[in-house]
PDB file of N, CA and C in Angstrom:
ATOM      1  N   MET A   1      -9.096 -13.388  88.182  1.00  0.00           N
ATOM      2  CA  MET A   1      -9.631 -13.272  89.408  1.00  0.00           C
ATOM      3  C   MET A   1      -9.798 -11.786  90.130  1.00  0.00           C
ATOM      4  N   PRO A   2     -11.342 -11.325  90.584  1.00  0.00           N
ATOM      5  CA  PRO A   2     -11.428 -10.239  90.853  1.00  0.00           C
ATOM      6  C   PRO A   2     -10.714  -9.847  92.123  1.00  0.00           C
ATOM      7  N   ARG A   3     -10.220  -8.697  91.755  1.00  0.00           N
ATOM      8  CA  ARG A   3      -9.741  -7.528  92.866  1.00  0.00           C
ATOM      9  C   ARG A   3     -10.449  -7.085  93.890  1.00  0.00           C
ATOM     10  N   VAL A   4     -10.550  -6.910  95.417  1.00  0.00           N
ATOM     11  CA  VAL A   4     -10.741  -6.740  96.454  1.00  0.00           C
ATOM     12  C   VAL A   4     -10.123  -5.820  96.953  1.00  0.00           C
ATOM     13  N   GLU A   5     -11.364  -4.294  97.207  1.00  0.00           N
ATOM     14  CA  GLU A   5     -11.205  -3.547  97.965  1.00  0.00           C
ATOM     15  C   GLU A   5     -11.638  -3.209  98.577  1.00  0.00           C
ATOM     16  N   LEU A   6     -11.088  -2.977 100.023  1.00  0.00           N
ATOM     17  CA  LEU A   6     -11.247  -2.300 101.276  1.00  0.00           C
ATOM     18  C   LEU A   6     -11.181  -0.811 101.674  1.00  0.00           C
ATOM     19  N   THR A   7     -12.615   0.047 102.293  1.00  0.00           N
ATOM     20  CA  THR A   7     -12.349   1.561 103.253  1.00  0.00           C
ATOM     21  C   THR A   7     -11.086   0.368 103.819  1.00  0.00           C
ATOM     22  N   SER A   8     -10.288   1.574 104.140  1.00  0.00           N
ATOM     23  CA  SER A   8      -8.917   1.952 105.177  1.00  0.00           C
ATOM     24  C   SER A   8      -9.733   0.964 106.514  1.00  0.00           C
ATOM     25  N   HIS A   9     -10.228   1.555 107.164  1.00  0.00           N
ATOM     26  CA  HIS A   9     -10.930   1.456 108.366  1.00  0.00           C
ATOM     27  C   HIS A   9     -11.532  -0.132 108.632  1.00  0.00           C
ATOM     28  N   LEU A  10     -12.083   0.115 107.959  1.00  0.00           N
ATOM     29  CA  LEU A  10     -12.295  -2.333 107.960  1.00  0.00           C
ATOM     30  C   LEU A  10     -11.171  -3.084 108.428  1.00  0.00           C
ATOM     31  N   TYR A  11      -9.713  -2.612 107.791  1.00  0.00           N
ATOM     32  CA  TYR A  11      -8.022  -3.419 108.337  1.00  0.00           C
ATOM     33  C   TYR A  11      -7.963  -2.954 110.084  1.00  0.00           C
ATOM     34  N   GLN A  12      -9.077  -2.455 110.730  1.00  0.00           N
ATOM     35  CA  GLN A  12      -8.972  -2.489 111.976  1.00  0.00           C
ATOM     36  C   GLN A  12      -9.568  -3.817 112.397  1.00  0.00           C
ATOM     37  N   PHE A  13     -10.636  -3.847 112.100  1.00  0.00           N
ATOM     38  CA  PHE A  13     -11.048  -4.789 112.223  1.00  0.00           C
ATOM     39  C   PHE A  13     -11.111  -6.372 112.180  1.00  0.00           C
ATOM     40  N   PHE A  14     -10.246  -6.579 111.060  1.00  0.00           N
ATOM     41  CA  PHE A  14      -9.637  -7.467 109.699  1.00  0.00           C
ATOM     42  C   PHE A  14      -8.426  -7.284 109.408  1.00  0.00           C
ATOM     43  N   PRO A  15      -7.566  -7.218 110.964  1.00  0.00           N
ATOM     44  CA  PRO A  15      -5.919  -7.260 110.511  1.00  0.00           C
ATOM     45  C   PRO A  15      -5.657  -7.595 109.468  1.00  0.00           C
ATOM     46  N   ALA A  16      -5.981  -8.841 109.549  1.00  0.00           N
ATOM     47  CA  ALA A  16      -5.067 -10.382 108.434  1.00  0.00           C
ATOM     48  C   ALA A  16      -5.404  -9.902 107.042  1.00  0.00           C
ATOM     49  N   LEU A  17      -6.515  -8.838 106.635  1.00  0.00           N
ATOM     50  CA  LEU A  17      -6.343  -8.627 105.543  1.00  0.00           C
ATOM     51  C   LEU A  17      -5.562  -7.347 104.744  1.00  0.00           C
ATOM     52  N   ALA A  18      -4.907  -6.688 106.273  1.00  0.00           N
ATOM     53  CA  ALA A  18      -4.351  -5.051 105.807  1.00  0.00           C
ATOM     54  C   ALA A  18      -3.241  -5.613 105.100  1.00  0.00           C
ATOM     55  N   GLY A  19      -2.273  -4.806 104.409  1.00  0.00           N
ATOM     56  CA  GLY A  19      -1.026  -5.003 103.077  1.00  0.00           C
ATOM     57  C   GLY A  19      -1.181  -5.857 102.667  1.00  0.00           C
ATOM     58  N   ARG A  20      -2.021  -6.595 101.776  1.00  0.00           N
ATOM     59  CA  ARG A  20      -2.245  -7.406 101.102  1.00  0.00           C
ATOM     60  C   ARG A  20      -3.287  -7.135 100.202  1.00  0.00           C
ATOM     61  N   ALA A  21      -2.691  -7.726  99.052  1.00  0.00           N
ATOM     62  CA  ALA A  21      -3.279  -7.377  97.396  1.00  0.00           C
ATOM     63  C   ALA A  21      -4.549  -8.496  97.484  1.00  0.00           C
ATOM     64  N   LEU A  22      -5.696  -7.997  97.601  1.00  0.00           N
ATOM     65  CA  LEU A  22      -6.616  -8.989  97.392  1.00  0.00           C
ATOM     66  C   LEU A  22      -6.702  -9.665  96.429  1.00  0.00           C
ATOM     67  N   ALA A  23      -6.934 -11.232  95.918  1.00  0.00           N
ATOM     68  CA  ALA A  23      -7.867 -11.302  94.693  1.00  0.00           C
ATOM     69  C   ALA A  23      -8.364 -13.122  95.365  1.00  0.00           C
ATOM     70  N   VAL A  24      -9.702 -12.619  94.498  1.00  0.00           N
ATOM     71  CA  VAL A  24     -10.370 -14.078  95.087  1.00  0.00           C
ATOM     72  C   VAL A  24     -11.212 -14.574  94.117  1.00  0.00           C
ATOM     73  N   GLU A  25     -11.495 -16.116  94.319  1.00  0.00           N
ATOM     74  CA  GLU A  25     -12.413 -16.553  93.000  1.00  0.00           C
ATOM     75  C   GLU A  25     -13.553 -15.933  93.747  1.00  0.00           C
ATOM     76  N   GLY A  26     -15.072 -15.910  92.837  1.00  0.00           N
ATOM     77  CA  GLY A  26     -16.007 -15.739  93.260  1.00  0.00           C
ATOM     78  C   GLY A  26     -16.376 -15.047  91.373  1.00  0.00           C
ATOM     79  N   ARG A  27     -17.357 -15.649  91.738  1.00  0.00           N
ATOM     80  CA  ARG A  27     -18.549 -14.958  89.743  1.00  0.00           C
ATOM     81  C   ARG A  27     -19.726 -13.922  90.076  1.00  0.00           C
ATOM     82  N   THR A  28     -19.719 -14.728  91.415  1.00  0.00           N
ATOM     83  CA  THR A  28     -21.406 -13.281  91.889  1.00  0.00           C
ATOM     84  C   THR A  28     -20.408 -12.453  93.191  1.00  0.00           C
ATOM     85  N   VAL A  29     -21.413 -11.572  94.025  1.00  0.00           N
ATOM     86  CA  VAL A  29     -20.533 -10.674  94.786  1.00  0.00           C
ATOM     87  C   VAL A  29     -20.703 -11.114  96.515  1.00  0.00           C
ATOM     88  N   ALA A  30     -21.708 -12.222  96.628  1.00  0.00           N
ATOM     89  CA  ALA A  30     -22.121 -13.789  97.231  1.00  0.00           C
ATOM     90  C   ALA A  30     -20.979 -14.231  97.965  1.00  0.00           C
ATOM     91  N   GLU A  31     -19.857 -14.977  96.216  1.00  0.00           N
ATOM     92  CA  GLU A  31     -19.413 -15.781  96.260  1.00  0.00           C
ATOM     93  C   GLU A  31     -17.772 -15.343  96.540  1.00  0.00           C
ATOM     94  N   VAL A  32     -17.679 -13.933  95.962  1.00  0.00           N
ATOM     95  CA  VAL A  32     -16.407 -12.836  96.631  1.00  0.00           C
ATOM     96  C   VAL A  32     -16.799 -12.562  97.992  1.00  0.00           C
ATOM     97  N   VAL A  33     -17.999 -12.021  98.786  1.00  0.00           N
ATOM     98  CA  VAL A  33     -18.066 -12.237 100.201  1.00  0.00           C
ATOM     99  C   VAL A  33     -17.101 -13.541 100.849  1.00  0.00           C
ATOM    100  N   ARG A  34     -18.039 -14.693 100.697  1.00  0.00           N
ATOM    101  CA  ARG A  34     -17.082 -15.893 101.388  1.00  0.00           C
ATOM    102  C   ARG A  34     -15.897 -16.156 100.926  1.00  0.00           C
ATOM    103  N   ALA A  35     -15.333 -15.550 100.052  1.00  0.00           N
ATOM    104  CA  ALA A  35     -13.981 -15.782  99.870  1.00  0.00           C
ATOM    105  C   ALA A  35     -13.293 -15.156 100.582  1.00  0.00           C
ATOM    106  N   VAL A  36     -13.843 -13.646 100.834  1.00  0.00           N
ATOM    107  CA  VAL A  36     -12.982 -12.792 101.681  1.00  0.00           C
ATOM    108  C   VAL A  36     -13.221 -13.110 103.136  1.00  0.00           C
ATOM    109  N   ASP A  37     -14.385 -13.911 103.431  1.00  0.00           N
ATOM    110  CA  ASP A  37     -14.689 -14.524 104.854  1.00  0.00           C
ATOM    111  C   ASP A  37     -13.494 -15.363 105.084  1.00  0.00           C
ATOM    112  N   ALA A  38     -13.568 -16.819 104.152  1.00  0.00           N
ATOM    113  CA  ALA A  38     -12.305 -17.809 104.203  1.00  0.00           C
ATOM    114  C   ALA A  38     -11.026 -17.237 105.063  1.00  0.00           C
ATOM    115  N   LEU A  39     -10.109 -15.805 104.405  1.00  0.00           N
ATOM    116  CA  LEU A  39      -9.464 -14.944 104.595  1.00  0.00           C
ATOM    117  C   LEU A  39      -9.380 -14.295 106.171  1.00  0.00           C
ATOM    118  N   ALA A  40     -10.828 -13.909 106.273  1.00  0.00           N
ATOM    119  CA  ALA A  40     -10.531 -13.106 107.820  1.00  0.00           C
ATOM    120  C   ALA A  40     -11.421 -13.612 108.048  1.00  0.00           C
ATOM    121  N   PRO A  41     -11.987 -15.075 108.570  1.00  0.00           N
ATOM    122  CA  PRO A  41     -12.641 -15.045 109.498  1.00  0.00           C
ATOM    123  C   PRO A  41     -14.133 -14.302 110.332  1.00  0.00           C
ATOM    124  N   GLY A  42     -15.035 -14.057 110.243  1.00  0.00           N
ATOM    125  CA  GLY A  42     -16.227 -12.992 110.860  1.00  0.00           C
ATOM    126  C   GLY A  42     -16.415 -12.140 109.836  1.00  0.00           C
ATOM    127  N   PHE A  43     -16.210 -12.153 108.626  1.00  0.00           N
ATOM    128  CA  PHE A  43     -15.790 -10.167 107.284  1.00  0.00           C
ATOM    129  C   PHE A  43     -17.676 -10.702 106.497  1.00  0.00           C
ATOM    130  N   GLY A  44     -17.579 -12.109 106.681  1.00  0.00           N
ATOM    131  CA  GLY A  44     -19.170 -12.370 105.985  1.00  0.00           C
ATOM    132  C   GLY A  44     -20.192 -12.112 106.909  1.00  0.00           C
ATOM    133  N   PHE A  45     -20.445 -11.730 108.403  1.00  0.00           N
ATOM    134  CA  PHE A  45     -21.317 -11.560 108.807  1.00  0.00           C
ATOM    135  C   PHE A  45     -20.938 -10.004 109.375  1.00  0.00           C
ATOM    136  N   TYR A  46     -19.800  -9.765 109.379  1.00  0.00           N
ATOM    137  CA  TYR A  46     -20.036  -8.272 109.315  1.00  0.00           C
ATOM    138  C   TYR A  46     -20.462  -7.275 108.295  1.00  0.00           C
ATOM    139  N   VAL A  47     -19.947  -7.938 107.565  1.00  0.00           N
ATOM    140  CA  VAL A  47     -20.684  -7.630 105.894  1.00  0.00           C
ATOM    141  C   VAL A  47     -22.283  -7.969 105.414  1.00  0.00           C
ATOM    142  N   CYS A  48     -22.788  -8.763 106.470  1.00  0.00           N
ATOM    143  CA  CYS A  48     -24.449  -9.230 105.851  1.00  0.00           C
ATOM    144  C   CYS A  48     -24.665  -9.703 107.088  1.00  0.00           C
ATOM    145  N   ASP A  49     -26.055  -9.511 107.063  1.00  0.00           N
ATOM    146  CA  ASP A  49     -27.078  -9.651 108.434  1.00  0.00           C
ATOM    147  C   ASP A  49     -27.172 -11.796 108.076  1.00  0.00           C
ATOM    148  N   GLU A  50     -28.071 -12.056 109.411  1.00  0.00           N
ATOM    149  CA  GLU A  50     -28.269 -13.546 109.701  1.00  0.00           C
ATOM    150  C   GLU A  50     -28.662 -13.833 108.185  1.00  0.00           C
ATOM    151  N   ALA A  51     -29.238 -13.449 107.396  1.00  0.00           N
ATOM    152  CA  ALA A  51     -29.883 -13.763 106.283  1.00  0.00           C
ATOM    153  C   ALA A  51     -29.085 -13.922 104.920  1.00  0.00           C
ATOM    154  N   GLY A  52     -28.043 -13.098 105.495  1.00  0.00           N
ATOM    155  CA  GLY A  52     -27.071 -13.022 103.997  1.00  0.00           C
ATOM    156  C   GLY A  52     -27.321 -11.448 103.313  1.00  0.00           C
ATOM    157  N   ARG A  53     -28.322 -10.928 103.362  1.00  0.00           N
ATOM    158  CA  ARG A  53     -28.086  -9.751 103.397  1.00  0.00           C
ATOM    159  C   ARG A  53     -27.368  -8.853 103.781  1.00  0.00           C
ATOM    160  N   LEU A  54     -27.223  -7.903 102.204  1.00  0.00           N
ATOM    161  CA  LEU A  54     -25.881  -6.865 102.778  1.00  0.00           C
ATOM    162  C   LEU A  54     -26.581  -5.734 103.865  1.00  0.00           C
ATOM    163  N   ARG A  55     -26.063  -5.907 105.234  1.00  0.00           N
ATOM    164  CA  ARG A  55     -26.137  -4.370 106.322  1.00  0.00           C
ATOM    165  C   ARG A  55     -26.882  -3.461 105.713  1.00  0.00           C
ATOM    166  N   GLN A  56     -27.534  -2.356 106.398  1.00  0.00           N
ATOM    167  CA  GLN A  56     -27.184  -1.387 105.445  1.00  0.00           C
ATOM    168  C   GLN A  56     -26.701  -0.343 105.501  1.00  0.00           C
ATOM    169  N   HIS A  57     -25.704  -0.959 106.611  1.00  0.00           N
ATOM    170  CA  HIS A  57     -24.474   0.152 106.861  1.00  0.00           C
ATOM    171  C   HIS A  57     -23.169   0.497 105.336  1.00  0.00           C
ATOM    172  N   VAL A  58     -23.873  -1.036 104.509  1.00  0.00           N
ATOM    173  CA  VAL A  58     -22.380  -1.424 103.734  1.00  0.00           C
ATOM    174  C   VAL A  58     -23.328  -1.392 102.485  1.00  0.00           C
ATOM    175  N   LEU A  59     -21.942  -0.938 101.471  1.00  0.00           N
ATOM    176  CA  LEU A  59     -22.098  -0.766  99.751  1.00  0.00           C
ATOM    177  C   LEU A  59     -21.070  -1.526  99.386  1.00  0.00           C
ATOM    178  N   ILE A  60     -21.267  -1.687  98.262  1.00  0.00           N
ATOM    179  CA  ILE A  60     -20.271  -2.876  97.256  1.00  0.00           C
ATOM    180  C   ILE A  60     -20.416  -2.681  95.609  1.00  0.00           C
ATOM    181  N   TYR A  61     -19.701  -1.852  95.262  1.00  0.00           N
ATOM    182  CA  TYR A  61     -19.844  -1.748  94.043  1.00  0.00           C
ATOM    183  C   TYR A  61     -18.609  -2.739  92.838  1.00  0.00           C
ATOM    184  N   VAL A  62     -19.243  -3.377  92.099  1.00  0.00           N
ATOM    185  CA  VAL A  62     -18.523  -4.318  91.088  1.00  0.00           C
ATOM    186  C   VAL A  62     -17.834  -2.592  90.107  1.00  0.00           C
ATOM    187  N   GLY A  63     -17.513  -2.498  89.421  1.00  0.00           N
ATOM    188  CA  GLY A  63     -16.942  -1.608  88.903  1.00  0.00           C
ATOM    189  C   GLY A  63     -17.117  -0.507  89.555  1.00  0.00           C
ATOM    190  N   GLU A  64     -18.038   0.378  89.175  1.00  0.00           N
ATOM    191  CA  GLU A  64     -18.216   1.512  88.803  1.00  0.00           C
ATOM    192  C   GLU A  64     -19.840   1.675  89.377  1.00  0.00           C
ATOM    193  N   GLU A  65     -20.304   0.645  89.312  1.00  0.00           N
ATOM    194  CA  GLU A  65     -21.601  -0.030  89.616  1.00  0.00           C
ATOM    195  C   GLU A  65     -22.208  -0.588  90.910  1.00  0.00           C
ATOM    196  N   ARG A  66     -22.989   0.244  91.645  1.00  0.00           N
ATOM    197  CA  ARG A  66     -22.959  -0.099  93.089  1.00  0.00           C
ATOM    198  C   ARG A  66     -24.305  -1.491  92.863  1.00  0.00           C
ATOM    199  N   VAL A  67     -24.054  -2.581  93.750  1.00  0.00           N
ATOM    200  CA  VAL A  67     -24.809  -3.619  93.872  1.00  0.00           C
ATOM    201  C   VAL A  67     -26.326  -3.544  93.613  1.00  0.00           C
ATOM    202  N   ARG A  68     -26.554  -4.094  92.865  1.00  0.00           N
ATOM    203  CA  ARG A  68     -28.261  -3.578  93.246  1.00  0.00           C
ATOM    204  C   ARG A  68     -29.382  -5.231  93.943  1.00  0.00           C
ATOM    205  N   ASP A  69     -28.698  -6.300  93.385  1.00  0.00           N
ATOM    206  CA  ASP A  69     -29.127  -6.936  94.903  1.00  0.00           C
ATOM    207  C   ASP A  69     -28.390  -7.750  95.803  1.00  0.00           C
ATOM    208  N   ARG A  70     -29.225  -6.599  97.231  1.00  0.00           N
ATOM    209  CA  ARG A  70     -28.448  -6.176  98.678  1.00  0.00           C
ATOM    210  C   ARG A  70     -29.154  -8.111  98.902  1.00  0.00           C
ATOM    211  N   ALA A  71     -30.496  -8.626  98.566  1.00  0.00           N
ATOM    212  CA  ALA A  71     -30.778  -9.798  99.363  1.00  0.00           C
ATOM    213  C   ALA A  71     -30.253 -11.299  99.224  1.00  0.00           C
ATOM    214  N   THR A  72     -29.044 -11.026  97.745  1.00  0.00           N
ATOM    215  CA  THR A  72     -28.508 -11.928  97.913  1.00  0.00           C
ATOM    216  C   THR A  72     -27.574 -12.251  96.915  1.00  0.00           C
ATOM    217  N   LEU A  73     -27.446 -11.398  97.314  1.00  0.00           N
ATOM    218  CA  LEU A  73     -25.210 -10.532  96.489  1.00  0.00           C
ATOM    219  C   LEU A  73     -25.013 -11.701  95.408  1.00  0.00           C
ATOM    220  N   GLY A  74     -26.197 -11.895  94.353  1.00  0.00           N
ATOM    221  CA  GLY A  74     -26.214 -12.245  93.028  1.00  0.00           C
ATOM    222  C   GLY A  74     -25.761 -11.757  92.041  1.00  0.00           C
ATOM    223  N   ASP A  75     -25.243 -10.253  92.279  1.00  0.00           N
ATOM    224  CA  ASP A  75     -24.538  -9.205  91.103  1.00  0.00           C
ATOM    225  C   ASP A  75     -23.252 -10.305  89.880  1.00  0.00           C
ATOM    226  N   PRO A  76     -23.898 -10.530  89.376  1.00  0.00           N
ATOM    227  CA  PRO A  76     -21.899 -11.100  88.366  1.00  0.00           C
ATOM    228  C   PRO A  76     -20.771 -10.569  88.699  1.00  0.00           C
ATOM    229  N   VAL A  77     -19.785 -10.493  88.773  1.00  0.00           N
ATOM    230  CA  VAL A  77     -18.427 -10.521  88.910  1.00  0.00           C
ATOM    231  C   VAL A  77     -17.356 -11.456  87.983  1.00  0.00           C
ATOM    232  N   ARG A  78     -16.839 -10.244  86.720  1.00  0.00           N
ATOM    233  CA  ARG A  78     -16.279 -11.047  86.342  1.00  0.00           C
ATOM    234  C   ARG A  78     -14.152 -11.431  87.057  1.00  0.00           C
ATOM    235  N   PRO A  79     -13.962 -12.135  86.087  1.00  0.00           N
ATOM    236  CA  PRO A  79     -12.385 -12.649  86.621  1.00  0.00           C
ATOM    237  C   PRO A  79     -11.729 -10.820  86.806  1.00  0.00           C
ATOM    238  N   ASP A  80     -12.238  -9.454  85.591  1.00  0.00           N
ATOM    239  CA  ASP A  80     -10.811  -9.001  85.815  1.00  0.00           C
ATOM    240  C   ASP A  80     -11.759  -7.737  86.864  1.00  0.00           C
ATOM    241  N   ASP A  81     -13.107  -8.311  87.153  1.00  0.00           N
ATOM    242  CA  ASP A  81     -13.530  -6.712  87.855  1.00  0.00           C
ATOM    243  C   ASP A  81     -13.127  -6.125  89.262  1.00  0.00           C
ATOM    244  N   ARG A  82     -12.709  -4.619  90.296  1.00  0.00           N
ATOM    245  CA  ARG A  82     -12.582  -4.689  90.795  1.00  0.00           C
ATOM    246  C   ARG A  82     -13.835  -3.914  91.822  1.00  0.00           C
ATOM    247  N   VAL A  83     -14.021  -4.848  93.122  1.00  0.00           N
ATOM    248  CA  VAL A  83     -14.859  -4.826  93.848  1.00  0.00           C
ATOM    249  C   VAL A  83     -14.869  -4.287  94.962  1.00  0.00           C
ATOM    250  N   LEU A  84     -15.107  -2.928  95.517  1.00  0.00           N
ATOM    251  CA  LEU A  84     -15.377  -2.252  96.907  1.00  0.00           C
ATOM    252  C   LEU A  84     -16.243  -2.319  97.434  1.00  0.00           C
ATOM    253  N   ILE A  85     -15.546  -2.503  98.912  1.00  0.00           N
ATOM    254  CA  ILE A  85     -16.673  -2.618  99.674  1.00  0.00           C
ATOM    255  C   ILE A  85     -16.311  -1.541 100.210  1.00  0.00           C
ATOM    256  N   VAL A  86     -17.732  -0.842 101.093  1.00  0.00           N
ATOM    257  CA  VAL A  86     -17.635   0.286 101.229  1.00  0.00           C
ATOM    258  C   VAL A  86     -18.367   0.276 103.046  1.00  0.00           C
ATOM    259  N   GLN A  87     -17.990   0.171 104.580  1.00  0.00           N
ATOM    260  CA  GLN A  87     -18.804   0.383 105.192  1.00  0.00           C
ATOM    261  C   GLN A  87     -18.899   2.306 106.084  1.00  0.00           C
ATOM    262  N   ALA A  88     -19.829   2.857 105.916  1.00  0.00           N
ATOM    263  CA  ALA A  88     -20.406   3.919 106.057  1.00  0.00           C
ATOM    264  C   ALA A  88     -20.203   3.768 107.277  1.00  0.00           C
ATOM    265  N   LEU A  89     -19.656   5.375 107.273  1.00  0.00           N
ATOM    266  CA  LEU A  89     -19.450   5.398 109.368  1.00  0.00           C
ATOM    267  C   LEU A  89     -20.047   7.265 109.595  1.00  0.00           C
ATOM    268  N   SER A  90     -20.581   6.690 110.761  1.00  0.00           N
ATOM    269  CA  SER A  90     -21.106   8.121 111.212  1.00  0.00           C
ATOM    270  C   SER A  90     -20.501   8.559 112.740  1.00  0.00           C
ATOM    271  N   GLY A  91     -21.381   9.598 112.917  1.00  0.00           N
ATOM    272  CA  GLY A  91     -21.031   9.752 114.447  1.00  0.00           C
ATOM    273  C   GLY A  91     -20.585  11.667 113.988  1.00  0.00           C
ATOM    274  N   GLY A  92     -20.144  11.886 115.780  1.00  0.00           N
ATOM    275  CA  GLY A  92     -19.833  13.688 115.664  1.00  0.00           C
ATOM    276  C   GLY A  92     -19.395  14.008 116.765  1.00  0.00           C
TER     277      GLY A  92
END
């Protein structure tokens, strides 16, 4: 199963995911996001908009490659892949 890693500040919004190794079923990025959402309801809407597109401030990497399909999240994910979900922070 793909391993999912989140940037640390996402855990404050989804404490149910904190302190656990995340390994979920999924053959595409969309399936991985849905699987994480099943563990922490609301996660999918936090990273994707109403149409299922990746929000502008979110990046997802599969291995070392940034997700290219931001519209449908159809990028493939292999069982041994690491999926990193990053939310950009701003402020000052």
